[in-house]
Amino acid sequence: MISEFGEQLIFINPVEFLNRVTAVLEEKNYSYRASLVKYDDYSINSSNRLESYRTKDTDIYFWKDKFFENQNEYRIVITDQEIDEPLTISIGNIKDIAKVLKASDLFSGKFELAIKKS
């Protein structure tokens, strides 16, 4: 990973990040869906996956081949815009919810993460 992406990484509080993104989307009146991606074996025709394609449900944006399962992807899909260029929104400064780390520290075995109980 370090050889492909470099020595630094940014660790972002995911809940706060999503709150900021969705707040801007709602402020701009964009229709959207957000969900974890569902991984499925594309060599088999899953009835659930095929039904979402058949009905043109927005669920189709949240399927991916099982080969990519290790990505644990979360997607936000704007459902009311048909554009060819990337859609850019500004969520402001995220310094308060982000921390820059050295990748070697993260993979050193000495990295600790404390998660508060809610």
PDB file of N, CA and C in Angstrom:
ATOM      1  N   MET A   1       0.822  -1.184   0.000  1.00  0.00           N
ATOM      2  CA  MET A   1       0.000   0.000   0.000  1.00  0.00           C
ATOM      3  C   MET A   1       0.872   1.257   0.000  1.00  0.00           C
ATOM      4  N   ILE A   2       1.914   1.269   0.813  1.00  0.00           N
ATOM      5  CA  ILE A   2       2.767   2.455   0.898  1.00  0.00           C
ATOM      6  C   ILE A   2       3.428   2.747  -0.442  1.00  0.00           C
ATOM      7  N   SER A   3       3.886   1.705  -1.139  1.00  0.00           N
ATOM      8  CA  SER A   3       4.544   1.921  -2.431  1.00  0.00           C
ATOM      9  C   SER A   3       3.566   2.472  -3.474  1.00  0.00           C
ATOM     10  N   GLU A   4       2.289   2.118  -3.373  1.00  0.00           N
ATOM     11  CA  GLU A   4       1.305   2.596  -4.341  1.00  0.00           C
ATOM     12  C   GLU A   4       0.718   3.952  -3.983  1.00  0.00           C
ATOM     13  N   PHE A   5       0.489   4.206  -2.678  1.00  0.00           N
ATOM     14  CA  PHE A   5      -0.235   5.411  -2.282  1.00  0.00           C
ATOM     15  C   PHE A   5       0.601   6.427  -1.516  1.00  0.00           C
ATOM     16  N   GLY A   6       1.797   6.068  -1.089  1.00  0.00           N
ATOM     17  CA  GLY A   6       2.656   7.019  -0.397  1.00  0.00           C
ATOM     18  C   GLY A   6       2.665   6.815   1.105  1.00  0.00           C
ATOM     19  N   GLU A   7       3.525   7.585   1.776  1.00  0.00           N
ATOM     20  CA  GLU A   7       3.795   7.413   3.198  1.00  0.00           C
ATOM     21  C   GLU A   7       2.756   8.073   4.098  1.00  0.00           C
ATOM     22  N   GLN A   8       1.997   9.026   3.584  1.00  0.00           N
ATOM     23  CA  GLN A   8       1.033   9.697   4.444  1.00  0.00           C
ATOM     24  C   GLN A   8      -0.387   9.278   4.108  1.00  0.00           C
ATOM     25  N   LEU A   9      -1.220   9.289   5.138  1.00  0.00           N
ATOM     26  CA  LEU A   9      -2.638   9.004   4.948  1.00  0.00           C
ATOM     27  C   LEU A   9      -3.428   9.918   5.866  1.00  0.00           C
ATOM     28  N   ILE A  10      -4.690  10.011   5.579  1.00  0.00           N
ATOM     29  CA  ILE A  10      -5.560  10.836   6.404  1.00  0.00           C
ATOM     30  C   ILE A  10      -6.640   9.940   7.002  1.00  0.00           C
ATOM     31  N   PHE A  11      -6.808  10.056   8.283  1.00  0.00           N
ATOM     32  CA  PHE A  11      -7.819   9.298   9.014  1.00  0.00           C
ATOM     33  C   PHE A  11      -8.937  10.279   9.333  1.00  0.00           C
ATOM     34  N   ILE A  12     -10.147  10.005   8.840  1.00  0.00           N
ATOM     35  CA  ILE A  12     -11.278  10.920   8.986  1.00  0.00           C
ATOM     36  C   ILE A  12     -12.369  10.243   9.791  1.00  0.00           C
ATOM     37  N   ASN A  13     -12.971  10.988  10.713  1.00  0.00           N
ATOM     38  CA  ASN A  13     -14.123  10.481  11.457  1.00  0.00           C
ATOM     39  C   ASN A  13     -15.247  10.261  10.449  1.00  0.00           C
ATOM     40  N   PRO A  14     -15.607   9.001  10.171  1.00  0.00           N
ATOM     41  CA  PRO A  14     -16.572   8.732   9.094  1.00  0.00           C
ATOM     42  C   PRO A  14     -17.970   9.267   9.360  1.00  0.00           C
ATOM     43  N   VAL A  15     -18.419   9.219  10.605  1.00  0.00           N
ATOM     44  CA  VAL A  15     -19.767   9.706  10.918  1.00  0.00           C
ATOM     45  C   VAL A  15     -19.856  11.210  10.671  1.00  0.00           C
ATOM     46  N   GLU A  16     -18.884  11.944  11.176  1.00  0.00           N
ATOM     47  CA  GLU A  16     -18.889  13.398  10.975  1.00  0.00           C
ATOM     48  C   GLU A  16     -18.720  13.765   9.504  1.00  0.00           C
ATOM     49  N   PHE A  17     -17.877  13.013   8.793  1.00  0.00           N
ATOM     50  CA  PHE A  17     -17.683  13.265   7.367  1.00  0.00           C
ATOM     51  C   PHE A  17     -19.001  13.088   6.611  1.00  0.00           C
ATOM     52  N   LEU A  18     -19.691  11.979   6.863  1.00  0.00           N
ATOM     53  CA  LEU A  18     -20.981  11.736   6.200  1.00  0.00           C
ATOM     54  C   LEU A  18     -22.016  12.771   6.580  1.00  0.00           C
ATOM     55  N   ASN A  19     -22.025  13.183   7.839  1.00  0.00           N
ATOM     56  CA  ASN A  19     -22.955  14.241   8.266  1.00  0.00           C
ATOM     57  C   ASN A  19     -22.735  15.512   7.462  1.00  0.00           C
ATOM     58  N   ARG A  20     -21.476  15.869   7.239  1.00  0.00           N
ATOM     59  CA  ARG A  20     -21.173  17.095   6.492  1.00  0.00           C
ATOM     60  C   ARG A  20     -21.533  16.965   5.022  1.00  0.00           C
ATOM     61  N   VAL A  21     -21.241  15.816   4.441  1.00  0.00           N
ATOM     62  CA  VAL A  21     -21.576  15.606   3.028  1.00  0.00           C
ATOM     63  C   VAL A  21     -23.091  15.638   2.835  1.00  0.00           C
ATOM     64  N   THR A  22     -23.818  14.893   3.655  1.00  0.00           N
ATOM     65  CA  THR A  22     -25.278  14.838   3.475  1.00  0.00           C
ATOM     66  C   THR A  22     -25.937  16.183   3.785  1.00  0.00           C
ATOM     67  N   ALA A  23     -25.374  16.946   4.712  1.00  0.00           N
ATOM     68  CA  ALA A  23     -25.928  18.278   5.000  1.00  0.00           C
ATOM     69  C   ALA A  23     -25.838  19.176   3.762  1.00  0.00           C
ATOM     70  N   VAL A  24     -24.715  19.125   3.062  1.00  0.00           N
ATOM     71  CA  VAL A  24     -24.557  19.934   1.849  1.00  0.00           C
ATOM     72  C   VAL A  24     -25.484  19.432   0.739  1.00  0.00           C
ATOM     73  N   LEU A  25     -25.588  18.114   0.591  1.00  0.00           N
ATOM     74  CA  LEU A  25     -26.483  17.570  -0.434  1.00  0.00           C
ATOM     75  C   LEU A  25     -27.930  17.990  -0.179  1.00  0.00           C
ATOM     76  N   GLU A  26     -28.341  17.960   1.072  1.00  0.00           N
ATOM     77  CA  GLU A  26     -29.703  18.375   1.416  1.00  0.00           C
ATOM     78  C   GLU A  26     -29.880  19.879   1.225  1.00  0.00           C
ATOM     79  N   GLU A  27     -28.868  20.648   1.576  1.00  0.00           N
ATOM     80  CA  GLU A  27     -28.922  22.104   1.392  1.00  0.00           C
ATOM     81  C   GLU A  27     -29.086  22.459  -0.088  1.00  0.00           C
ATOM     82  N   LYS A  28     -28.451  21.690  -0.964  1.00  0.00           N
ATOM     83  CA  LYS A  28     -28.527  21.928  -2.404  1.00  0.00           C
ATOM     84  C   LYS A  28     -29.727  21.221  -3.042  1.00  0.00           C
ATOM     85  N   ASN A  29     -30.551  20.569  -2.220  1.00  0.00           N
ATOM     86  CA  ASN A  29     -31.729  19.840  -2.678  1.00  0.00           C
ATOM     87  C   ASN A  29     -31.416  18.720  -3.666  1.00  0.00           C
ATOM     88  N   TYR A  30     -30.271  18.082  -3.504  1.00  0.00           N
ATOM     89  CA  TYR A  30     -29.954  16.909  -4.309  1.00  0.00           C
ATOM     90  C   TYR A  30     -30.658  15.707  -3.700  1.00  0.00           C
ATOM     91  N   SER A  31     -31.199  14.885  -4.555  1.00  0.00           N
ATOM     92  CA  SER A  31     -31.751  13.614  -4.114  1.00  0.00           C
ATOM     93  C   SER A  31     -30.586  12.625  -4.117  1.00  0.00           C
ATOM     94  N   TYR A  32     -30.462  11.832  -3.061  1.00  0.00           N
ATOM     95  CA  TYR A  32     -29.326  10.916  -2.981  1.00  0.00           C
ATOM     96  C   TYR A  32     -29.696   9.677  -2.177  1.00  0.00           C
ATOM     97  N   ARG A  33     -28.884   8.667  -2.338  1.00  0.00           N
ATOM     98  CA  ARG A  33     -28.941   7.463  -1.504  1.00  0.00           C
ATOM     99  C   ARG A  33     -27.540   7.164  -1.044  1.00  0.00           C
ATOM    100  N   ALA A  34     -27.421   6.650   0.161  1.00  0.00           N
ATOM    101  CA  ALA A  34     -26.123   6.278   0.709  1.00  0.00           C
ATOM    102  C   ALA A  34     -26.265   4.904   1.349  1.00  0.00           C
ATOM    103  N   SER A  35     -25.285   4.049   1.091  1.00  0.00           N
ATOM    104  CA  SER A  35     -25.368   2.693   1.620  1.00  0.00           C
ATOM    105  C   SER A  35     -24.037   1.980   1.465  1.00  0.00           C
ATOM    106  N   LEU A  36     -23.871   0.942   2.264  1.00  0.00           N
ATOM    107  CA  LEU A  36     -22.758   0.028   2.047  1.00  0.00           C
ATOM    108  C   LEU A  36     -22.984  -0.703   0.731  1.00  0.00           C
ATOM    109  N   VAL A  37     -21.908  -1.049   0.052  1.00  0.00           N
ATOM    110  CA  VAL A  37     -21.993  -1.825  -1.175  1.00  0.00           C
ATOM    111  C   VAL A  37     -22.259  -3.277  -0.818  1.00  0.00           C
ATOM    112  N   LYS A  38     -23.100  -3.918  -1.628  1.00  0.00           N
ATOM    113  CA  LYS A  38     -23.380  -5.347  -1.461  1.00  0.00           C
ATOM    114  C   LYS A  38     -22.501  -6.098  -2.450  1.00  0.00           C
ATOM    115  N   TYR A  39     -21.742  -7.058  -1.953  1.00  0.00           N
ATOM    116  CA  TYR A  39     -20.845  -7.833  -2.806  1.00  0.00           C
ATOM    117  C   TYR A  39     -21.503  -9.162  -3.146  1.00  0.00           C
ATOM    118  N   ASP A  40     -21.449  -9.505  -4.432  1.00  0.00           N
ATOM    119  CA  ASP A  40     -22.142 -10.691  -4.910  1.00  0.00           C
ATOM    120  C   ASP A  40     -21.268 -11.391  -5.946  1.00  0.00           C
ATOM    121  N   ASP A  41     -21.417 -12.673  -6.054  1.00  0.00           N
ATOM    122  CA  ASP A  41     -20.688 -13.454  -7.053  1.00  0.00           C
ATOM    123  C   ASP A  41     -21.337 -13.213  -8.410  1.00  0.00           C
ATOM    124  N   TYR A  42     -20.667 -12.435  -9.272  1.00  0.00           N
ATOM    125  CA  TYR A  42     -21.237 -12.077 -10.567  1.00  0.00           C
ATOM    126  C   TYR A  42     -21.232 -13.236 -11.558  1.00  0.00           C
ATOM    127  N   SER A  43     -20.598 -14.355 -11.213  1.00  0.00           N
ATOM    128  CA  SER A  43     -20.668 -15.517 -12.101  1.00  0.00           C
ATOM    129  C   SER A  43     -21.988 -16.262 -11.914  1.00  0.00           C
ATOM    130  N   ILE A  44     -22.753 -15.848 -10.900  1.00  0.00           N
ATOM    131  CA  ILE A  44     -24.073 -16.422 -10.618  1.00  0.00           C
ATOM    132  C   ILE A  44     -25.101 -15.299 -10.740  1.00  0.00           C
ATOM    133  N   ASN A  45     -26.208 -15.577 -11.377  1.00  0.00           N
ATOM    134  CA  ASN A  45     -27.261 -14.573 -11.529  1.00  0.00           C
ATOM    135  C   ASN A  45     -28.141 -14.538 -10.280  1.00  0.00           C
ATOM    136  N   SER A  46     -27.819 -13.637  -9.384  1.00  0.00           N
ATOM    137  CA  SER A  46     -28.583 -13.473  -8.151  1.00  0.00           C
ATOM    138  C   SER A  46     -29.945 -12.854  -8.457  1.00  0.00           C
ATOM    139  N   SER A  47     -31.011 -13.416  -7.895  1.00  0.00           N
ATOM    140  CA  SER A  47     -32.352 -12.886  -8.157  1.00  0.00           C
ATOM    141  C   SER A  47     -32.508 -11.469  -7.598  1.00  0.00           C
ATOM    142  N   ASN A  48     -31.923 -11.190  -6.444  1.00  0.00           N
ATOM    143  CA  ASN A  48     -32.024  -9.838  -5.870  1.00  0.00           C
ATOM    144  C   ASN A  48     -31.323  -8.809  -6.747  1.00  0.00           C
ATOM    145  N   ARG A  49     -30.128  -9.139  -7.196  1.00  0.00           N
ATOM    146  CA  ARG A  49     -29.372  -8.219  -8.049  1.00  0.00           C
ATOM    147  C   ARG A  49     -30.082  -8.022  -9.379  1.00  0.00           C
ATOM    148  N   LEU A  50     -30.547  -9.096  -9.990  1.00  0.00           N
ATOM    149  CA  LEU A  50     -31.240  -8.995 -11.273  1.00  0.00           C
ATOM    150  C   LEU A  50     -32.540  -8.199 -11.157  1.00  0.00           C
ATOM    151  N   GLU A  51     -33.235  -8.365 -10.056  1.00  0.00           N
ATOM    152  CA  GLU A  51     -34.484  -7.620  -9.842  1.00  0.00           C
ATOM    153  C   GLU A  51     -34.210  -6.121  -9.749  1.00  0.00           C
ATOM    154  N   SER A  52     -33.122  -5.731  -9.087  1.00  0.00           N
ATOM    155  CA  SER A  52     -32.806  -4.306  -8.989  1.00  0.00           C
ATOM    156  C   SER A  52     -32.467  -3.732 -10.360  1.00  0.00           C
ATOM    157  N   TYR A  53     -31.826  -4.517 -11.229  1.00  0.00           N
ATOM    158  CA  TYR A  53     -31.558  -4.067 -12.596  1.00  0.00           C
ATOM    159  C   TYR A  53     -32.857  -3.994 -13.398  1.00  0.00           C
ATOM    160  N   ARG A  54     -33.693  -5.015 -13.260  1.00  0.00           N
ATOM    161  CA  ARG A  54     -34.941  -5.078 -14.028  1.00  0.00           C
ATOM    162  C   ARG A  54     -35.858  -3.909 -13.692  1.00  0.00           C
ATOM    163  N   THR A  55     -35.971  -3.561 -12.414  1.00  0.00           N
ATOM    164  CA  THR A  55     -36.872  -2.492 -11.989  1.00  0.00           C
ATOM    165  C   THR A  55     -36.221  -1.108 -12.024  1.00  0.00           C
ATOM    166  N   LYS A  56     -34.938  -1.080 -12.413  1.00  0.00           N
ATOM    167  CA  LYS A  56     -34.174   0.177 -12.468  1.00  0.00           C
ATOM    168  C   LYS A  56     -34.186   0.899 -11.130  1.00  0.00           C
ATOM    169  N   ASP A  57     -34.165   0.122 -10.076  1.00  0.00           N
ATOM    170  CA  ASP A  57     -34.103   0.645  -8.715  1.00  0.00           C
ATOM    171  C   ASP A  57     -32.714   1.240  -8.483  1.00  0.00           C
ATOM    172  N   THR A  58     -32.607   2.259  -7.648  1.00  0.00           N
ATOM    173  CA  THR A  58     -31.302   2.851  -7.348  1.00  0.00           C
ATOM    174  C   THR A  58     -30.399   1.872  -6.619  1.00  0.00           C
ATOM    175  N   ASP A  59     -30.951   0.764  -6.193  1.00  0.00           N
ATOM    176  CA  ASP A  59     -30.173  -0.298  -5.557  1.00  0.00           C
ATOM    177  C   ASP A  59     -29.061  -0.815  -6.481  1.00  0.00           C
ATOM    178  N   ILE A  60     -29.228  -0.655  -7.786  1.00  0.00           N
ATOM    179  CA  ILE A  60     -28.232  -1.150  -8.739  1.00  0.00           C
ATOM    180  C   ILE A  60     -26.867  -0.491  -8.537  1.00  0.00           C
ATOM    181  N   TYR A  61     -26.846   0.704  -7.974  1.00  0.00           N
ATOM    182  CA  TYR A  61     -25.581   1.408  -7.761  1.00  0.00           C
ATOM    183  C   TYR A  61     -24.791   0.850  -6.580  1.00  0.00           C
ATOM    184  N   PHE A  62     -25.395  -0.049  -5.847  1.00  0.00           N
ATOM    185  CA  PHE A  62     -24.765  -0.558  -4.625  1.00  0.00           C
ATOM    186  C   PHE A  62     -24.385  -2.030  -4.718  1.00  0.00           C
ATOM    187  N   TRP A  63     -24.274  -2.556  -5.919  1.00  0.00           N
ATOM    188  CA  TRP A  63     -23.823  -3.931  -6.134  1.00  0.00           C
ATOM    189  C   TRP A  63     -22.422  -3.906  -6.728  1.00  0.00           C
ATOM    190  N   LYS A  64     -21.615  -4.860  -6.312  1.00  0.00           N
ATOM    191  CA  LYS A  64     -20.263  -4.979  -6.841  1.00  0.00           C
ATOM    192  C   LYS A  64     -19.854  -6.452  -6.761  1.00  0.00           C
ATOM    193  N   ASP A  65     -18.977  -6.866  -7.648  1.00  0.00           N
ATOM    194  CA  ASP A  65     -18.538  -8.257  -7.649  1.00  0.00           C
ATOM    195  C   ASP A  65     -17.791  -8.606  -6.360  1.00  0.00           C
ATOM    196  N   LYS A  66     -17.998  -9.831  -5.915  1.00  0.00           N
ATOM    197  CA  LYS A  66     -17.399 -10.339  -4.683  1.00  0.00           C
ATOM    198  C   LYS A  66     -15.868 -10.219  -4.682  1.00  0.00           C
ATOM    199  N   PHE A  67     -15.259 -10.165  -5.859  1.00  0.00           N
ATOM    200  CA  PHE A  67     -13.814 -10.001  -5.982  1.00  0.00           C
ATOM    201  C   PHE A  67     -13.333  -8.766  -5.207  1.00  0.00           C
ATOM    202  N   PHE A  68     -14.167  -7.730  -5.121  1.00  0.00           N
ATOM    203  CA  PHE A  68     -13.795  -6.469  -4.487  1.00  0.00           C
ATOM    204  C   PHE A  68     -14.234  -6.381  -3.020  1.00  0.00           C
ATOM    205  N   GLU A  69     -14.692  -7.470  -2.459  1.00  0.00           N
ATOM    206  CA  GLU A  69     -15.278  -7.487  -1.115  1.00  0.00           C
ATOM    207  C   GLU A  69     -14.364  -6.893  -0.037  1.00  0.00           C
ATOM    208  N   ASN A  70     -13.063  -7.040  -0.204  1.00  0.00           N
ATOM    209  CA  ASN A  70     -12.132  -6.516   0.811  1.00  0.00           C
ATOM    210  C   ASN A  70     -12.143  -4.984   0.873  1.00  0.00           C
ATOM    211  N   GLN A  71     -12.764  -4.318  -0.088  1.00  0.00           N
ATOM    212  CA  GLN A  71     -12.818  -2.853  -0.096  1.00  0.00           C
ATOM    213  C   GLN A  71     -13.794  -2.291   0.936  1.00  0.00           C
ATOM    214  N   ASN A  72     -14.802  -3.075   1.321  1.00  0.00           N
ATOM    215  CA  ASN A  72     -15.811  -2.604   2.286  1.00  0.00           C
ATOM    216  C   ASN A  72     -16.281  -1.196   1.946  1.00  0.00           C
ATOM    217  N   GLU A  73     -16.741  -1.028   0.741  1.00  0.00           N
ATOM    218  CA  GLU A  73     -17.062   0.294   0.203  1.00  0.00           C
ATOM    219  C   GLU A  73     -18.409   0.820   0.688  1.00  0.00           C
ATOM    220  N   TYR A  74     -18.449   2.119   0.889  1.00  0.00           N
ATOM    221  CA  TYR A  74     -19.671   2.855   1.200  1.00  0.00           C
ATOM    222  C   TYR A  74     -19.834   3.881   0.098  1.00  0.00           C
ATOM    223  N   ARG A  75     -21.006   3.955  -0.488  1.00  0.00           N
ATOM    224  CA  ARG A  75     -21.225   4.879  -1.600  1.00  0.00           C
ATOM    225  C   ARG A  75     -22.317   5.882  -1.293  1.00  0.00           C
ATOM    226  N   ILE A  76     -22.147   7.051  -1.876  1.00  0.00           N
ATOM    227  CA  ILE A  76     -23.184   8.082  -1.881  1.00  0.00           C
ATOM    228  C   ILE A  76     -23.480   8.344  -3.348  1.00  0.00           C
ATOM    229  N   VAL A  77     -24.733   8.150  -3.743  1.00  0.00           N
ATOM    230  CA  VAL A  77     -25.129   8.294  -5.137  1.00  0.00           C
ATOM    231  C   VAL A  77     -26.141   9.416  -5.261  1.00  0.00           C
ATOM    232  N   ILE A  78     -25.839  10.383  -6.116  1.00  0.00           N
ATOM    233  CA  ILE A  78     -26.774  11.462  -6.425  1.00  0.00           C
ATOM    234  C   ILE A  78     -27.747  10.900  -7.457  1.00  0.00           C
ATOM    235  N   THR A  79     -29.018  10.862  -7.130  1.00  0.00           N
ATOM    236  CA  THR A  79     -29.989  10.165  -7.980  1.00  0.00           C
ATOM    237  C   THR A  79     -30.786  11.083  -8.909  1.00  0.00           C
ATOM    238  N   ASP A  80     -30.613  12.390  -8.793  1.00  0.00           N
ATOM    239  CA  ASP A  80     -31.422  13.282  -9.628  1.00  0.00           C
ATOM    240  C   ASP A  80     -30.589  14.156 -10.565  1.00  0.00           C
ATOM    241  N   GLN A  81     -29.353  13.741 -10.843  1.00  0.00           N
ATOM    242  CA  GLN A  81     -28.487  14.497 -11.742  1.00  0.00           C
ATOM    243  C   GLN A  81     -27.925  13.556 -12.795  1.00  0.00           C
ATOM    244  N   GLU A  82     -28.042  13.934 -14.057  1.00  0.00           N
ATOM    245  CA  GLU A  82     -27.392  13.188 -15.137  1.00  0.00           C
ATOM    246  C   GLU A  82     -26.366  14.114 -15.764  1.00  0.00           C
ATOM    247  N   ILE A  83     -25.120  13.929 -15.339  1.00  0.00           N
ATOM    248  CA  ILE A  83     -24.046  14.792 -15.819  1.00  0.00           C
ATOM    249  C   ILE A  83     -22.867  13.928 -16.251  1.00  0.00           C
ATOM    250  N   ASP A  84     -22.057  14.464 -17.164  1.00  0.00           N
ATOM    251  CA  ASP A  84     -20.882  13.745 -17.643  1.00  0.00           C
ATOM    252  C   ASP A  84     -19.624  14.095 -16.854  1.00  0.00           C
ATOM    253  N   GLU A  85     -19.627  15.227 -16.209  1.00  0.00           N
ATOM    254  CA  GLU A  85     -18.465  15.680 -15.450  1.00  0.00           C
ATOM    255  C   GLU A  85     -18.651  15.352 -13.967  1.00  0.00           C
ATOM    256  N   PRO A  86     -17.557  15.248 -13.227  1.00  0.00           N
ATOM    257  CA  PRO A  86     -17.680  15.014 -11.774  1.00  0.00           C
ATOM    258  C   PRO A  86     -18.458  16.144 -11.097  1.00  0.00           C
ATOM    259  N   LEU A  87     -19.236  15.797 -10.113  1.00  0.00           N
ATOM    260  CA  LEU A  87     -19.980  16.771  -9.319  1.00  0.00           C
ATOM    261  C   LEU A  87     -19.125  17.116  -8.107  1.00  0.00           C
ATOM    262  N   THR A  88     -18.791  18.368  -7.943  1.00  0.00           N
ATOM    263  CA  THR A  88     -17.954  18.800  -6.826  1.00  0.00           C
ATOM    264  C   THR A  88     -18.804  19.590  -5.852  1.00  0.00           C
ATOM    265  N   ILE A  89     -18.734  19.199  -4.580  1.00  0.00           N
ATOM    266  CA  ILE A  89     -19.399  19.970  -3.535  1.00  0.00           C
ATOM    267  C   ILE A  89     -18.349  20.329  -2.491  1.00  0.00           C
ATOM    268  N   SER A  90     -18.552  21.427  -1.809  1.00  0.00           N
ATOM    269  CA  SER A  90     -17.623  21.843  -0.769  1.00  0.00           C
ATOM    270  C   SER A  90     -18.248  21.574   0.595  1.00  0.00           C
ATOM    271  N   ILE A  91     -17.539  20.811   1.414  1.00  0.00           N
ATOM    272  CA  ILE A  91     -18.030  20.533   2.769  1.00  0.00           C
ATOM    273  C   ILE A  91     -17.249  21.338   3.806  1.00  0.00           C
ATOM    274  N   GLY A  92     -16.401  22.234   3.320  1.00  0.00           N
ATOM    275  CA  GLY A  92     -15.648  23.088   4.238  1.00  0.00           C
ATOM    276  C   GLY A  92     -14.401  22.400   4.787  1.00  0.00           C
ATOM    277  N   ASN A  93     -13.834  23.030   5.774  1.00  0.00           N
ATOM    278  CA  ASN A  93     -12.609  22.548   6.401  1.00  0.00           C
ATOM    279  C   ASN A  93     -12.914  21.317   7.258  1.00  0.00           C
ATOM    280  N   ILE A  94     -12.110  20.273   7.102  1.00  0.00           N
ATOM    281  CA  ILE A  94     -12.332  19.050   7.891  1.00  0.00           C
ATOM    282  C   ILE A  94     -11.195  18.799   8.883  1.00  0.00           C
ATOM    283  N   LYS A  95     -10.415  19.832   9.138  1.00  0.00           N
ATOM    284  CA  LYS A  95      -9.279  19.687  10.050  1.00  0.00           C
ATOM    285  C   LYS A  95      -9.688  19.160  11.427  1.00  0.00           C
ATOM    286  N   ASP A  96     -10.871  19.538  11.870  1.00  0.00           N
ATOM    287  CA  ASP A  96     -11.326  19.125  13.201  1.00  0.00           C
ATOM    288  C   ASP A  96     -11.771  17.669  13.275  1.00  0.00           C
ATOM    289  N   ILE A  97     -11.977  17.029  12.121  1.00  0.00           N
ATOM    290  CA  ILE A  97     -12.421  15.629  12.129  1.00  0.00           C
ATOM    291  C   ILE A  97     -11.423  14.714  11.427  1.00  0.00           C
ATOM    292  N   ALA A  98     -10.236  15.234  11.112  1.00  0.00           N
ATOM    293  CA  ALA A  98      -9.245  14.468  10.361  1.00  0.00           C
ATOM    294  C   ALA A  98      -7.880  14.542  11.033  1.00  0.00           C
ATOM    295  N   LYS A  99      -7.112  13.495  10.836  1.00  0.00           N
ATOM    296  CA  LYS A  99      -5.760  13.447  11.370  1.00  0.00           C
ATOM    297  C   LYS A  99      -4.848  12.846  10.308  1.00  0.00           C
ATOM    298  N   VAL A 100      -3.718  13.512  10.051  1.00  0.00           N
ATOM    299  CA  VAL A 100      -2.727  13.007   9.107  1.00  0.00           C
ATOM    300  C   VAL A 100      -1.798  12.069   9.868  1.00  0.00           C
ATOM    301  N   LEU A 101      -1.589  10.874   9.292  1.00  0.00           N
ATOM    302  CA  LEU A 101      -0.736   9.856   9.913  1.00  0.00           C
ATOM    303  C   LEU A 101       0.318   9.384   8.919  1.00  0.00           C
ATOM    304  N   LYS A 102       1.390   8.831   9.447  1.00  0.00           N
ATOM    305  CA  LYS A 102       2.369   8.152   8.600  1.00  0.00           C
ATOM    306  C   LYS A 102       1.887   6.720   8.426  1.00  0.00           C
ATOM    307  N   ALA A 103       1.832   6.271   7.190  1.00  0.00           N
ATOM    308  CA  ALA A 103       1.354   4.924   6.901  1.00  0.00           C
ATOM    309  C   ALA A 103       2.193   3.875   7.625  1.00  0.00           C
ATOM    310  N   SER A 104       3.497   4.101   7.730  1.00  0.00           N
ATOM    311  CA  SER A 104       4.357   3.126   8.415  1.00  0.00           C
ATOM    312  C   SER A 104       3.966   2.997   9.881  1.00  0.00           C
ATOM    313  N   ASP A 105       3.498   4.086  10.506  1.00  0.00           N
ATOM    314  CA  ASP A 105       3.035   4.017  11.902  1.00  0.00           C
ATOM    315  C   ASP A 105       1.756   3.190  12.002  1.00  0.00           C
ATOM    316  N   LEU A 106       0.872   3.355  11.037  1.00  0.00           N
ATOM    317  CA  LEU A 106      -0.390   2.626  11.055  1.00  0.00           C
ATOM    318  C   LEU A 106      -0.161   1.118  10.959  1.00  0.00           C
ATOM    319  N   PHE A 107       0.833   0.713  10.180  1.00  0.00           N
ATOM    320  CA  PHE A 107       1.089  -0.717   9.958  1.00  0.00           C
ATOM    321  C   PHE A 107       2.226  -1.266  10.825  1.00  0.00           C
ATOM    322  N   SER A 108       2.661  -0.497  11.807  1.00  0.00           N
ATOM    323  CA  SER A 108       3.791  -0.919  12.637  1.00  0.00           C
ATOM    324  C   SER A 108       3.408  -1.935  13.711  1.00  0.00           C
ATOM    325  N   GLY A 109       2.126  -2.095  13.955  1.00  0.00           N
ATOM    326  CA  GLY A 109       1.686  -2.968  15.040  1.00  0.00           C
ATOM    327  C   GLY A 109       1.592  -2.238  16.364  1.00  0.00           C
ATOM    328  N   LYS A 110       1.970  -0.972  16.381  1.00  0.00           N
ATOM    329  CA  LYS A 110       1.929  -0.162  17.601  1.00  0.00           C
ATOM    330  C   LYS A 110       0.769   0.833  17.588  1.00  0.00           C
ATOM    331  N   PHE A 111       0.003   0.827  16.527  1.00  0.00           N
ATOM    332  CA  PHE A 111      -1.103   1.774  16.382  1.00  0.00           C
ATOM    333  C   PHE A 111      -2.278   1.329  17.249  1.00  0.00           C
ATOM    334  N   GLU A 112      -2.821   2.247  18.015  1.00  0.00           N
ATOM    335  CA  GLU A 112      -3.987   1.955  18.842  1.00  0.00           C
ATOM    336  C   GLU A 112      -5.105   2.919  18.497  1.00  0.00           C
ATOM    337  N   LEU A 113      -6.307   2.398  18.523  1.00  0.00           N
ATOM    338  CA  LEU A 113      -7.487   3.207  18.224  1.00  0.00           C
ATOM    339  C   LEU A 113      -8.460   3.021  19.374  1.00  0.00           C
ATOM    340  N   ALA A 114      -8.845   4.113  20.009  1.00  0.00           N
ATOM    341  CA  ALA A 114      -9.822   4.047  21.094  1.00  0.00           C
ATOM    342  C   ALA A 114     -11.152   4.547  20.567  1.00  0.00           C
ATOM    343  N   ILE A 115     -12.189   3.749  20.752  1.00  0.00           N
ATOM    344  CA  ILE A 115     -13.530   4.115  20.304  1.00  0.00           C
ATOM    345  C   ILE A 115     -14.406   4.284  21.533  1.00  0.00           C
ATOM    346  N   LYS A 116     -14.991   5.473  21.659  1.00  0.00           N
ATOM    347  CA  LYS A 116     -15.852   5.755  22.788  1.00  0.00           C
ATOM    348  C   LYS A 116     -17.167   5.002  22.681  1.00  0.00           C
ATOM    349  N   LYS A 117     -17.678   4.607  23.834  1.00  0.00           N
ATOM    350  CA  LYS A 117     -19.024   4.027  23.847  1.00  0.00           C
ATOM    351  C   LYS A 117     -20.023   5.131  23.601  1.00  0.00           C
ATOM    352  N   SER A 118     -21.090   4.798  22.912  1.00  0.00           N
ATOM    353  CA  SER A 118     -22.101   5.838  22.649  1.00  0.00           C
ATOM    354  C   SER A 118     -23.097   5.899  23.784  1.00  0.00           C
TER     355      SER A 118
END
